Protein backbone atom coordinates (compact mmCIF):
# COMPACT_ATOMS: atom_id res chain seq x y z
CA UNK A 1 23.60 9.71 -0.55
CA UNK A 2 22.52 7.67 -3.32
CA UNK A 3 18.98 7.41 -3.79
CA UNK A 4 18.59 4.93 -6.59
CA UNK A 5 15.88 6.78 -8.34
CA UNK A 6 16.54 7.34 -12.07
CA UNK A 7 14.41 6.62 -14.09
CA UNK A 8 11.75 5.12 -11.34
CA UNK A 9 7.80 5.37 -11.14
CA UNK A 10 6.87 8.02 -7.76
CA UNK A 11 3.52 8.65 -7.59
CA UNK A 12 2.65 12.02 -5.45
CA UNK A 13 -1.05 12.67 -4.30
CA UNK A 14 -2.14 15.91 -3.89
CA UNK A 15 1.18 17.61 -5.94
CA UNK A 16 -0.76 20.44 -7.51
CA UNK A 17 0.98 22.76 -4.61
CA UNK A 18 2.10 22.90 -0.75
CA UNK A 19 4.04 19.65 0.16
CA UNK A 20 3.20 17.72 -2.83
CA UNK A 21 4.30 19.59 -5.10
CA UNK A 22 7.58 20.01 -3.31
CA UNK A 23 7.88 16.42 -3.11
CA UNK A 24 7.47 16.05 -6.76
CA UNK A 25 9.79 18.47 -7.32
CA UNK A 26 12.16 16.88 -4.84
CA UNK A 27 11.64 13.86 -6.96
CA UNK A 28 12.23 15.38 -10.48
CA UNK A 29 15.91 16.40 -9.14
CA UNK A 30 16.76 12.57 -8.89
CA UNK A 31 15.57 12.08 -12.24
CA UNK A 32 12.33 10.44 -11.94
CA UNK A 33 9.32 9.87 -13.93
CA UNK A 34 6.62 11.62 -10.85
CA UNK A 35 2.62 11.31 -11.88
CA UNK A 36 1.12 14.58 -10.35
CA UNK A 37 -2.61 13.90 -8.80
CA UNK A 38 -5.11 16.80 -8.52
CA UNK A 39 -8.60 17.45 -7.69
CA UNK A 40 -9.67 20.54 -8.30
CA UNK A 41 -6.99 21.92 -9.10
CA UNK A 42 -5.79 21.62 -12.70
CA UNK A 43 -3.97 24.60 -13.48
CA UNK A 44 -1.59 23.81 -10.58
CA UNK A 45 -0.87 20.38 -11.85
CA UNK A 46 0.19 21.46 -14.76
CA UNK A 47 2.41 24.24 -13.19
CA UNK A 48 4.23 21.55 -10.82
CA UNK A 49 4.27 19.38 -14.10
CA UNK A 50 5.68 22.04 -16.07
CA UNK A 51 8.57 22.41 -13.20
CA UNK A 52 9.25 18.87 -12.55
CA UNK A 53 10.10 18.87 -16.79
CA UNK A 54 12.21 21.98 -15.75
CA UNK A 55 13.92 20.04 -13.12
CA UNK A 56 15.22 16.92 -15.55
CA UNK A 57 11.86 14.83 -14.15
CA UNK A 58 9.17 13.63 -16.54
CA UNK A 59 5.94 14.30 -15.50
CA UNK A 60 2.38 13.08 -15.76
CA UNK A 61 -0.83 14.42 -14.45
CA UNK A 62 -4.02 12.77 -13.58
CA UNK A 63 -7.34 13.67 -11.61
CA UNK A 64 -7.74 11.70 -8.64
CA UNK A 65 -11.00 12.53 -5.88
CA UNK A 66 -10.01 11.23 -2.76
CA UNK A 67 -13.94 10.89 -2.13
CA UNK A 68 -14.60 8.59 -4.67
CA UNK A 69 -13.12 5.18 -4.70
CA UNK A 70 -13.32 4.88 -8.39
CA UNK A 71 -11.55 7.78 -9.13
CA UNK A 72 -8.67 7.00 -7.05
CA UNK A 73 -8.53 3.39 -8.94
CA UNK A 74 -9.13 5.30 -12.39
CA UNK A 75 -5.53 7.43 -11.42
CA UNK A 76 -3.51 4.74 -10.41
CA UNK A 77 -4.34 2.48 -13.59
CA UNK A 78 -4.04 4.73 -15.76
CA UNK A 79 -0.40 5.58 -14.31
CA UNK A 80 0.05 1.88 -14.46
CA UNK A 81 -0.86 1.91 -18.10
CA UNK A 82 1.87 5.14 -18.77
CA UNK A 83 4.70 3.60 -17.25
CA UNK A 84 3.73 -0.24 -16.99
CA UNK A 85 4.31 -0.43 -12.94
CA UNK A 86 4.61 2.18 -9.58
CA UNK A 87 7.85 1.95 -7.46
CA UNK A 88 7.09 4.87 -5.09
CA UNK A 89 3.41 6.11 -3.48
CA UNK A 90 3.74 9.48 -1.66
CA UNK A 91 -0.09 9.82 0.15
CA UNK A 92 -0.29 13.45 0.71
CA UNK A 93 -3.71 14.65 -0.80
CA UNK A 94 -5.59 16.09 2.00
CA UNK A 95 -9.16 17.84 2.48
CA UNK A 96 -9.61 19.39 5.11
CA UNK A 97 -12.88 21.24 4.32
CA UNK A 98 -14.31 22.63 7.39
CA UNK A 99 -13.23 19.96 9.93
CA UNK A 100 -10.36 21.84 11.33
CA UNK A 101 -9.29 25.15 12.68
CA UNK A 102 -7.97 27.84 11.02
CA UNK A 103 -7.93 31.64 12.58
CA UNK A 104 -11.58 33.53 12.27
CA UNK A 105 -13.01 30.06 12.17
CA UNK A 106 -15.51 29.29 15.17
CA UNK A 107 -15.54 25.22 15.37
CA UNK A 108 -18.84 23.79 16.55
CA UNK A 109 -18.00 21.99 20.04
CA UNK A 110 -17.39 18.12 20.01
CA UNK A 111 -21.45 17.35 20.51
CA UNK A 112 -22.14 19.30 17.84
CA UNK A 113 -19.88 17.95 14.83
CA UNK A 114 -22.05 16.63 12.07
CA UNK A 115 -21.87 13.55 11.59
CA UNK A 116 -21.46 13.52 7.82
CA UNK A 117 -18.95 15.71 8.21
CA UNK A 118 -17.15 13.13 10.75
CA UNK A 119 -17.75 10.48 8.26
CA UNK A 120 -16.37 12.89 5.38
CA UNK A 121 -12.95 13.16 7.07
CA UNK A 122 -12.50 9.64 7.88
CA UNK A 123 -13.51 9.04 4.59
CA UNK A 124 -11.20 10.89 2.59
CA UNK A 125 -7.83 10.09 4.66
CA UNK A 126 -8.23 6.89 6.22
CA UNK A 127 -10.54 5.30 3.11
CA UNK A 128 -8.61 7.10 0.57
CA UNK A 129 -5.25 5.46 2.45
CA UNK A 130 -6.74 2.00 1.80
CA UNK A 131 -8.00 2.54 -1.39
CA UNK A 132 -4.95 4.18 -2.41
CA UNK A 133 -2.74 1.40 -1.13
CA UNK A 134 -4.58 -1.37 -2.42
CA UNK A 135 -4.89 -0.02 -5.60
CA UNK A 136 -1.20 0.58 -6.02
CA UNK A 137 0.17 -3.01 -4.64
CA UNK A 138 -0.69 -5.07 -8.27
CA UNK A 139 1.91 -2.68 -9.90
CA UNK A 140 4.29 -2.60 -7.24
CA UNK A 141 4.62 -5.73 -5.94
CA UNK A 142 6.86 -8.64 -7.60
CA UNK A 143 9.98 -5.89 -8.20
CA UNK A 144 11.58 -7.13 -5.39
CA UNK A 145 11.68 -3.10 -4.51
CA UNK A 146 8.94 -0.58 -3.61
CA UNK A 147 8.50 2.82 -1.04
CA UNK A 148 5.29 3.73 0.47
CA UNK A 149 4.80 7.00 2.48
CA UNK A 150 1.87 7.79 3.89
CA UNK A 151 1.39 11.56 4.93
CA UNK A 152 0.05 12.18 8.83
CA UNK A 153 0.04 15.36 10.76
CA UNK A 154 1.51 16.82 13.80
CA UNK A 155 -2.07 17.65 14.51
CA UNK A 156 -2.64 13.78 15.42
CA UNK A 157 0.27 14.06 18.45
CA UNK A 158 -0.66 17.47 19.95
CA UNK A 159 -4.15 18.04 19.15
CA UNK A 160 -6.67 20.69 18.53
CA UNK A 161 -9.56 21.98 19.51
CA UNK A 162 -12.32 21.85 16.91
CA UNK A 163 -9.59 19.37 14.99
CA UNK A 164 -11.51 15.26 16.52
CA UNK A 165 -11.92 14.38 12.98
CA UNK A 166 -9.26 15.26 11.42
CA UNK A 167 -6.71 14.66 14.19
CA UNK A 168 -8.55 10.67 14.93
CA UNK A 169 -8.11 10.00 10.88
CA UNK A 170 -4.62 11.23 10.52
CA UNK A 171 -3.94 8.94 14.30
CA UNK A 172 -5.03 5.81 12.15
CA UNK A 173 -2.64 6.43 9.61
CA UNK A 174 0.20 4.93 12.00
CA UNK A 175 -1.59 1.42 12.68
CA UNK A 176 -2.28 0.92 9.07
CA UNK A 177 1.39 1.39 8.42
CA UNK A 178 2.26 -0.63 11.48
CA UNK A 179 0.27 -3.41 10.14
CA UNK A 180 1.79 -2.92 6.23
CA UNK A 181 4.96 -3.31 7.28
CA UNK A 182 4.78 -6.67 8.76
CA UNK A 183 2.77 -7.63 5.16
CA UNK A 184 4.98 -5.51 2.57
CA UNK A 185 8.44 -6.34 4.43
CA UNK A 186 9.03 -9.64 2.13
CA UNK A 187 8.26 -8.14 -0.86
CA UNK A 188 10.86 -5.60 -0.57
CA UNK A 189 8.76 -3.10 0.37
CA UNK A 190 9.21 -0.54 2.99
CA UNK A 191 6.19 1.54 4.43
CA UNK A 192 6.74 4.09 6.39
CA UNK A 193 5.09 7.76 7.71
CA UNK A 194 6.36 11.10 7.72
CA UNK A 195 4.57 13.80 10.14
CA UNK A 196 4.53 17.27 9.38
CA UNK A 197 3.85 19.92 12.24
CA UNK A 198 2.14 22.79 10.51
CA UNK A 199 4.11 24.05 7.72
CA UNK A 200 4.01 27.12 5.57
CA UNK A 201 1.70 26.45 2.80
CA UNK A 202 -0.10 28.67 0.25
CA UNK A 203 -3.18 28.01 2.71
CA UNK A 204 -1.09 28.50 5.99
CA UNK A 205 -0.25 32.00 4.60
CA UNK A 206 -3.55 32.89 3.22
CA UNK A 207 -4.75 31.92 6.54
CA UNK A 208 -2.73 32.62 8.98
CA UNK A 209 -1.56 36.22 9.90
CA UNK A 210 2.36 37.25 10.32
CA UNK A 211 1.82 38.22 13.57
CA UNK A 212 0.18 34.32 14.59
CA UNK A 213 3.29 32.91 12.09
CA UNK A 214 5.73 34.19 14.49
CA UNK A 215 4.59 33.01 17.75
CA UNK A 216 4.01 29.71 16.21
CA UNK A 217 7.85 29.84 14.93
CA UNK A 218 9.20 31.10 18.78
CA UNK A 219 6.96 28.46 20.50
CA UNK A 220 9.20 25.57 18.51
CA UNK A 221 12.82 24.68 19.72
CA UNK A 222 14.07 24.86 16.32
CA UNK A 223 12.61 28.36 16.39
CA UNK A 224 11.34 28.31 12.62
CA UNK A 225 8.11 26.98 11.05
CA UNK A 226 8.64 24.15 8.35
CA UNK A 227 9.02 24.85 4.60
CA UNK A 228 7.10 21.93 1.90
CA UNK A 229 10.73 21.60 0.96
CA UNK A 230 11.92 20.69 5.05
CA UNK A 231 8.75 18.09 4.63
CA UNK A 232 9.95 16.80 1.13
CA UNK A 233 13.38 16.22 1.94
CA UNK A 234 11.69 13.62 4.30
CA UNK A 235 9.38 11.98 1.94
CA UNK A 236 12.28 11.58 -0.51
CA UNK A 237 14.64 10.20 1.54
CA UNK A 238 12.07 7.30 3.51
CA UNK A 239 10.88 6.79 -0.37
CA UNK A 240 14.14 5.98 -2.00
CA UNK A 241 17.38 4.00 -1.56
CA UNK A 242 19.04 6.06 0.64
CA UNK A 243 16.25 4.31 3.09
CA UNK A 244 17.67 1.04 3.54
CA UNK A 245 15.99 -0.59 6.19
CA UNK A 246 13.79 2.11 7.95
CA UNK A 247 10.69 0.11 7.90
CA UNK A 248 7.22 0.90 9.84
CA UNK A 249 8.69 4.27 11.25
CA UNK A 250 6.66 7.98 11.53
CA UNK A 251 8.91 10.47 11.34
CA UNK A 252 8.06 13.98 12.53
CA UNK A 253 9.42 16.78 10.94
CA UNK A 254 8.14 19.31 13.27
CA UNK A 255 10.67 21.83 14.54
CA UNK A 256 10.58 19.86 17.56
CA UNK A 257 7.39 19.91 19.25
């Protein structure tokens, strides 16, 4: 398939590692100019940039804080000033904090969840998506072509004890995608969501035991968990010219869960 991404400007938020890094490298392999954002892991972002350059892409690194509207808008403005516009937005940055269960972490009952934790998760997921898309659109409209891919979470479909805030925040992205589809379609901008299941990122490999991962893989129809590259390939398709008219959809990459 022809992706049509040579020299396109692609902004990938949260690309210092994991799915974000794999996505940046997927676009780099297509000859894109890839803007890589990070919050605290500058070294990881620079490592991603080196790999992007080695894969025939052109990197640009910029700091981006999900919880800070000014930081979001400044990061987008920097990319626009560097390359004159944005063709593809992949909004994948995420901040889990203490709001999602992991092995060894005891989560509070729902009635004991601190309001500030709930609000922080919504701010760094729903509000951050709002601010990012809003900042990008003036740099994307008027080109008669654009792609926006928001990254959800399979947890929003399956649920998980103790993950109410995170699940609610990620579920909200689907409603946003559906409304943006109606608004942006006339401008040639296709908007979709990729919904990954549990993926073998550095974070998961650090906190989950081999036995847990083996049991998880056996529970999936495909018999294995996602790699970051599995998810990145879905993002690349939706955020490219190979996607001719998939619009307003949620593409689940979950191994059949």
